[in-house]
Amino acid sequence: MVIAVHSSQYFSDLPLGVSFVADQGARGVQLFFVVSALTLSMSWYDRHDGVAAFFIRRLFRIAPMFWLAVIFFRRSTGSWAAIFCP
């Protein structure tokens, strides 16, 4: 859906039906957040092991890739200052 919105920006003469569907693609972000919240809450509800265990599992699932991305980004750019300073 989001891809349709970005792709339609390159074409100004789309038919009305296609243009309408592409404009509704902006709802894809909201749909993603709703589905994500639903699946996370279902995952937490089905396990019956408490909030702390749920967040610890999420931390161990997300943190390793986050730190790998930070290391990769840092090594590929060389320095933080080159990116964040004008």
Protein backbone atom coordinates (compact mmCIF):
# COMPACT_ATOMS: atom_id res chain seq x y z
CA MET A 1 0.00 0.00 0.00
CA VAL A 2 2.71 2.46 0.92
CA ILE A 3 4.68 1.48 -2.19
CA ALA A 4 1.63 2.33 -4.32
CA VAL A 5 1.55 5.86 -2.87
CA HIS A 6 5.23 6.47 -3.56
CA SER A 7 5.05 4.94 -7.03
CA SER A 8 1.99 6.98 -8.01
CA GLN A 9 3.87 10.22 -7.32
CA TYR A 10 5.91 9.62 -10.47
CA PHE A 11 2.82 9.40 -12.69
CA SER A 12 0.49 12.39 -12.90
CA ASP A 13 -1.96 10.97 -15.46
CA LEU A 14 -3.23 7.87 -13.65
CA PRO A 15 -6.84 6.83 -14.23
CA LEU A 16 -9.26 7.90 -11.51
CA GLY A 17 -9.71 4.41 -10.02
CA VAL A 18 -5.98 3.72 -9.85
CA SER A 19 -5.31 7.17 -8.41
CA PHE A 20 -7.95 6.61 -5.69
CA VAL A 21 -6.47 3.24 -4.69
CA ALA A 22 -2.95 4.67 -4.66
CA ASP A 23 -4.06 7.59 -2.49
CA GLN A 24 -5.52 5.15 0.03
CA GLY A 25 -2.13 3.49 0.33
CA ALA A 26 -1.21 6.12 2.90
CA ARG A 27 -3.39 4.11 5.27
CA GLY A 28 -0.82 1.32 5.11
CA VAL A 29 1.24 2.79 7.95
CA GLN A 30 -1.77 2.98 10.24
CA LEU A 31 -2.78 -0.53 9.26
CA PHE A 32 0.72 -1.78 10.06
CA PHE A 33 0.58 -0.28 13.57
CA VAL A 34 -2.85 -1.73 14.28
CA VAL A 35 -1.89 -5.21 13.08
CA SER A 36 1.42 -5.02 14.95
CA ALA A 37 -0.32 -4.05 18.20
CA LEU A 38 -2.86 -6.82 17.72
CA THR A 39 -0.24 -9.52 17.16
CA LEU A 40 1.91 -8.33 20.07
CA SER A 41 -1.05 -8.32 22.44
CA MET A 42 -2.15 -11.76 21.24
CA SER A 43 1.37 -13.07 21.77
CA TRP A 44 1.46 -11.67 25.30
CA TYR A 45 -2.05 -12.92 26.14
CA ASP A 46 -1.48 -16.49 24.89
CA ARG A 47 1.67 -17.12 26.96
CA HIS A 48 0.28 -16.29 30.44
CA ASP A 49 3.76 -15.60 31.81
CA GLY A 50 3.50 -11.95 32.81
CA VAL A 51 4.55 -8.58 31.54
CA ALA A 52 8.19 -8.79 32.65
CA ALA A 53 8.83 -12.03 30.76
CA PHE A 54 7.16 -10.58 27.66
CA PHE A 55 9.39 -7.50 27.67
CA ILE A 56 12.52 -9.54 28.34
CA ARG A 57 11.71 -11.75 25.33
CA ARG A 58 11.13 -8.65 23.19
CA LEU A 59 14.41 -7.14 24.38
CA PHE A 60 16.39 -10.25 23.47
CA ARG A 61 14.66 -10.41 20.09
CA ILE A 62 15.16 -6.75 19.13
CA ALA A 63 18.36 -5.61 20.87
CA PRO A 64 20.86 -7.87 19.05
CA MET A 65 19.80 -6.65 15.60
CA PHE A 66 19.70 -3.07 16.83
CA TRP A 67 23.28 -3.22 18.08
CA LEU A 68 24.44 -5.00 14.92
CA ALA A 69 22.85 -2.23 12.87
CA VAL A 70 24.54 0.42 15.02
CA ILE A 71 27.93 -1.26 14.58
CA PHE A 72 27.43 -1.66 10.83
CA PHE A 73 26.29 1.95 10.46
CA ARG A 74 29.18 3.23 12.51
CA ARG A 75 31.76 1.24 10.55
CA SER A 76 30.30 2.05 7.15
CA THR A 77 30.17 5.82 7.75
CA GLY A 78 33.31 6.20 9.83
CA SER A 79 32.04 8.69 12.34
CA TRP A 80 28.87 10.09 13.87
CA ALA A 81 30.03 13.65 13.30
CA ALA A 82 30.09 13.22 9.52
CA ILE A 83 26.37 12.47 9.58
CA PHE A 84 24.89 14.65 12.29
CA CYS A 85 26.96 17.81 11.93
CA PRO A 86 26.61 20.21 8.99
